[in-house]
């Protein structure tokens, strides 16, 4: 029982540490992401995960701002 409680406490702690971000684009869209978008210097694109957990890509030039929610 103690082990189960400890696992639950750890999982809740991890969930509390995750941050959502909002990316605004040149065409006025606001894109919510589940994690901080990462820039791939080789391709010039941001890689992020959407609200449904799918990996998405967007051109660096299309993004005007990234802010933590």
N, C-alpha and C. Protein backbone atom coordinates (compact mmCIF):
# COMPACT_ATOMS: atom_id res chain seq x y z
N UNK A 1 0.82 -1.19 0.00
CA UNK A 1 0.00 0.00 0.00
C UNK A 1 0.87 1.26 0.00
N UNK A 2 1.95 1.24 0.81
CA UNK A 2 2.84 2.40 0.83
C UNK A 2 3.50 2.61 -0.53
N UNK A 3 3.83 1.51 -1.17
CA UNK A 3 4.49 1.60 -2.48
C UNK A 3 3.56 2.24 -3.51
N UNK A 4 2.29 1.85 -3.49
CA UNK A 4 1.30 2.41 -4.41
C UNK A 4 1.12 3.91 -4.16
N UNK A 5 1.07 4.30 -2.90
CA UNK A 5 0.93 5.72 -2.57
C UNK A 5 2.14 6.52 -3.05
N UNK A 6 3.32 5.95 -2.89
CA UNK A 6 4.54 6.64 -3.32
C UNK A 6 4.55 6.81 -4.84
N UNK A 7 4.12 5.80 -5.56
CA UNK A 7 4.05 5.89 -7.03
C UNK A 7 3.06 6.97 -7.44
N UNK A 8 1.91 7.03 -6.80
CA UNK A 8 0.91 8.05 -7.12
C UNK A 8 1.43 9.45 -6.84
N UNK A 9 2.12 9.64 -5.75
CA UNK A 9 2.68 10.95 -5.42
C UNK A 9 3.71 11.36 -6.47
N UNK A 10 4.55 10.44 -6.89
CA UNK A 10 5.55 10.74 -7.92
C UNK A 10 4.90 11.11 -9.25
N UNK A 11 3.87 10.37 -9.63
CA UNK A 11 3.18 10.66 -10.89
C UNK A 11 2.51 12.03 -10.85
N UNK A 12 1.89 12.36 -9.75
CA UNK A 12 1.27 13.68 -9.63
C UNK A 12 2.31 14.79 -9.68
N UNK A 13 3.47 14.54 -9.12
CA UNK A 13 4.55 15.52 -9.18
C UNK A 13 5.04 15.75 -10.60
N UNK A 14 5.13 14.68 -11.37
CA UNK A 14 5.56 14.82 -12.77
C UNK A 14 4.53 15.56 -13.61
N UNK A 15 3.26 15.29 -13.37
CA UNK A 15 2.21 15.97 -14.12
C UNK A 15 2.23 17.46 -13.82
N UNK A 16 2.48 17.82 -12.59
CA UNK A 16 2.52 19.22 -12.21
C UNK A 16 3.70 19.97 -12.81
N UNK A 17 4.74 19.28 -13.22
CA UNK A 17 5.93 19.93 -13.78
C UNK A 17 5.82 20.21 -15.27
N UNK A 18 4.89 19.58 -15.95
CA UNK A 18 4.79 19.79 -17.39
C UNK A 18 4.19 21.16 -17.68
N UNK A 19 4.68 21.81 -18.72
CA UNK A 19 4.20 23.14 -19.08
C UNK A 19 3.61 23.13 -20.47
N UNK A 20 2.61 23.95 -20.66
CA UNK A 20 2.05 24.13 -21.98
C UNK A 20 2.57 25.45 -22.54
N UNK A 21 2.68 25.49 -23.85
CA UNK A 21 3.17 26.69 -24.53
C UNK A 21 2.17 27.07 -25.60
N UNK A 22 2.17 28.35 -25.94
CA UNK A 22 1.35 28.87 -27.03
C UNK A 22 2.29 29.48 -28.07
N UNK A 23 2.12 29.06 -29.32
CA UNK A 23 2.89 29.65 -30.42
C UNK A 23 1.93 30.51 -31.24
N UNK A 24 2.32 31.74 -31.49
CA UNK A 24 1.54 32.58 -32.40
C UNK A 24 2.26 32.60 -33.74
N UNK A 25 1.46 32.60 -34.80
CA UNK A 25 2.03 32.54 -36.15
C UNK A 25 1.75 33.84 -36.90
N UNK A 26 2.43 34.03 -38.02
CA UNK A 26 2.27 35.23 -38.83
C UNK A 26 0.86 35.39 -39.37
N UNK A 27 0.16 34.26 -39.57
CA UNK A 27 -1.20 34.35 -40.11
C UNK A 27 -2.25 34.45 -39.00
N UNK A 28 -1.83 34.67 -37.74
CA UNK A 28 -2.75 34.92 -36.65
C UNK A 28 -3.22 33.70 -35.86
N UNK A 29 -2.73 32.52 -36.20
CA UNK A 29 -3.13 31.33 -35.45
C UNK A 29 -2.43 31.30 -34.10
N UNK A 30 -3.09 30.70 -33.12
CA UNK A 30 -2.52 30.46 -31.79
C UNK A 30 -2.52 28.95 -31.62
N UNK A 31 -1.33 28.36 -31.53
CA UNK A 31 -1.19 26.90 -31.46
C UNK A 31 -0.77 26.52 -30.05
N UNK A 32 -1.59 25.70 -29.39
CA UNK A 32 -1.28 25.21 -28.05
C UNK A 32 -0.44 23.95 -28.17
N UNK A 33 0.63 23.87 -27.39
CA UNK A 33 1.49 22.70 -27.40
C UNK A 33 1.57 22.10 -25.99
N UNK A 34 1.83 20.81 -25.90
CA UNK A 34 1.94 20.15 -24.61
C UNK A 34 3.33 20.22 -24.01
N UNK A 35 4.31 20.62 -24.80
CA UNK A 35 5.67 20.74 -24.31
C UNK A 35 6.35 21.88 -25.07
N UNK A 36 7.51 22.27 -24.61
CA UNK A 36 8.22 23.37 -25.25
C UNK A 36 8.65 22.96 -26.66
N UNK A 37 8.30 23.76 -27.67
CA UNK A 37 8.73 23.45 -29.03
C UNK A 37 10.25 23.49 -29.15
N UNK A 38 10.80 22.54 -29.88
CA UNK A 38 12.24 22.44 -30.07
C UNK A 38 12.58 22.80 -31.52
N UNK A 39 13.56 23.67 -31.69
CA UNK A 39 13.99 24.07 -33.02
C UNK A 39 15.01 23.09 -33.55
N UNK A 40 14.76 22.56 -34.75
CA UNK A 40 15.72 21.70 -35.44
C UNK A 40 16.50 22.60 -36.39
N UNK A 41 17.74 22.90 -36.05
CA UNK A 41 18.56 23.82 -36.85
C UNK A 41 18.80 23.31 -38.26
N UNK A 42 18.84 21.99 -38.45
CA UNK A 42 19.11 21.43 -39.77
C UNK A 42 17.96 21.70 -40.74
N UNK A 43 16.72 21.60 -40.26
CA UNK A 43 15.56 21.79 -41.14
C UNK A 43 14.94 23.17 -41.02
N UNK A 44 15.26 23.91 -39.94
CA UNK A 44 14.66 25.22 -39.73
C UNK A 44 13.20 25.14 -39.32
N UNK A 45 12.83 24.04 -38.66
CA UNK A 45 11.44 23.85 -38.26
C UNK A 45 11.35 23.58 -36.76
N UNK A 46 10.25 24.06 -36.16
CA UNK A 46 9.97 23.73 -34.77
C UNK A 46 9.23 22.41 -34.72
N UNK A 47 9.61 21.57 -33.78
CA UNK A 47 8.96 20.28 -33.55
C UNK A 47 8.24 20.38 -32.21
N UNK A 48 6.96 20.03 -32.20
CA UNK A 48 6.18 20.10 -30.97
C UNK A 48 5.11 19.02 -30.97
N UNK A 49 4.46 18.84 -29.82
CA UNK A 49 3.37 17.88 -29.69
C UNK A 49 2.08 18.64 -29.43
N UNK A 50 1.05 18.33 -30.19
CA UNK A 50 -0.23 19.01 -30.02
C UNK A 50 -1.01 18.43 -28.85
N UNK A 51 -2.21 18.93 -28.62
CA UNK A 51 -3.03 18.51 -27.47
C UNK A 51 -3.40 17.04 -27.53
N UNK A 52 -3.39 16.44 -28.73
CA UNK A 52 -3.73 15.03 -28.88
C UNK A 52 -2.50 14.13 -28.86
N UNK A 53 -1.33 14.73 -28.62
CA UNK A 53 -0.10 13.94 -28.52
C UNK A 53 0.58 13.64 -29.84
N UNK A 54 0.11 14.24 -30.92
CA UNK A 54 0.74 14.02 -32.23
C UNK A 54 1.94 14.94 -32.40
N UNK A 55 3.00 14.40 -33.01
CA UNK A 55 4.17 15.21 -33.30
C UNK A 55 3.89 16.07 -34.52
N UNK A 56 4.16 17.37 -34.40
CA UNK A 56 3.87 18.31 -35.48
C UNK A 56 5.13 19.12 -35.78
N UNK A 57 5.16 19.69 -36.97
CA UNK A 57 6.27 20.54 -37.40
C UNK A 57 5.70 21.84 -37.96
N UNK A 58 6.41 22.94 -37.72
CA UNK A 58 6.04 24.23 -38.29
C UNK A 58 7.32 24.99 -38.62
N UNK A 59 7.32 25.71 -39.73
CA UNK A 59 8.51 26.46 -40.14
C UNK A 59 8.83 27.54 -39.13
N UNK A 60 10.11 27.73 -38.89
CA UNK A 60 10.58 28.75 -37.96
C UNK A 60 10.12 30.14 -38.41
N UNK A 61 10.12 30.38 -39.70
CA UNK A 61 9.74 31.69 -40.25
C UNK A 61 8.26 32.00 -40.05
N UNK A 62 7.43 30.97 -39.85
CA UNK A 62 5.99 31.20 -39.65
C UNK A 62 5.64 31.55 -38.21
N UNK A 63 6.56 31.32 -37.27
CA UNK A 63 6.31 31.55 -35.85
C UNK A 63 6.78 32.95 -35.47
N UNK A 64 5.90 33.72 -34.82
CA UNK A 64 6.27 35.06 -34.38
C UNK A 64 6.63 35.09 -32.91
N UNK A 65 6.00 34.23 -32.10
CA UNK A 65 6.25 34.25 -30.66
C UNK A 65 5.91 32.90 -30.04
N UNK A 66 6.68 32.52 -29.03
CA UNK A 66 6.41 31.32 -28.23
C UNK A 66 6.37 31.76 -26.78
N UNK A 67 5.25 31.49 -26.12
CA UNK A 67 5.13 31.90 -24.72
C UNK A 67 4.62 30.75 -23.86
N UNK A 68 5.12 30.70 -22.62
CA UNK A 68 4.69 29.66 -21.69
C UNK A 68 3.33 30.04 -21.15
N UNK A 69 2.48 29.07 -21.03
CA UNK A 69 1.13 29.31 -20.55
C UNK A 69 1.08 29.30 -19.05
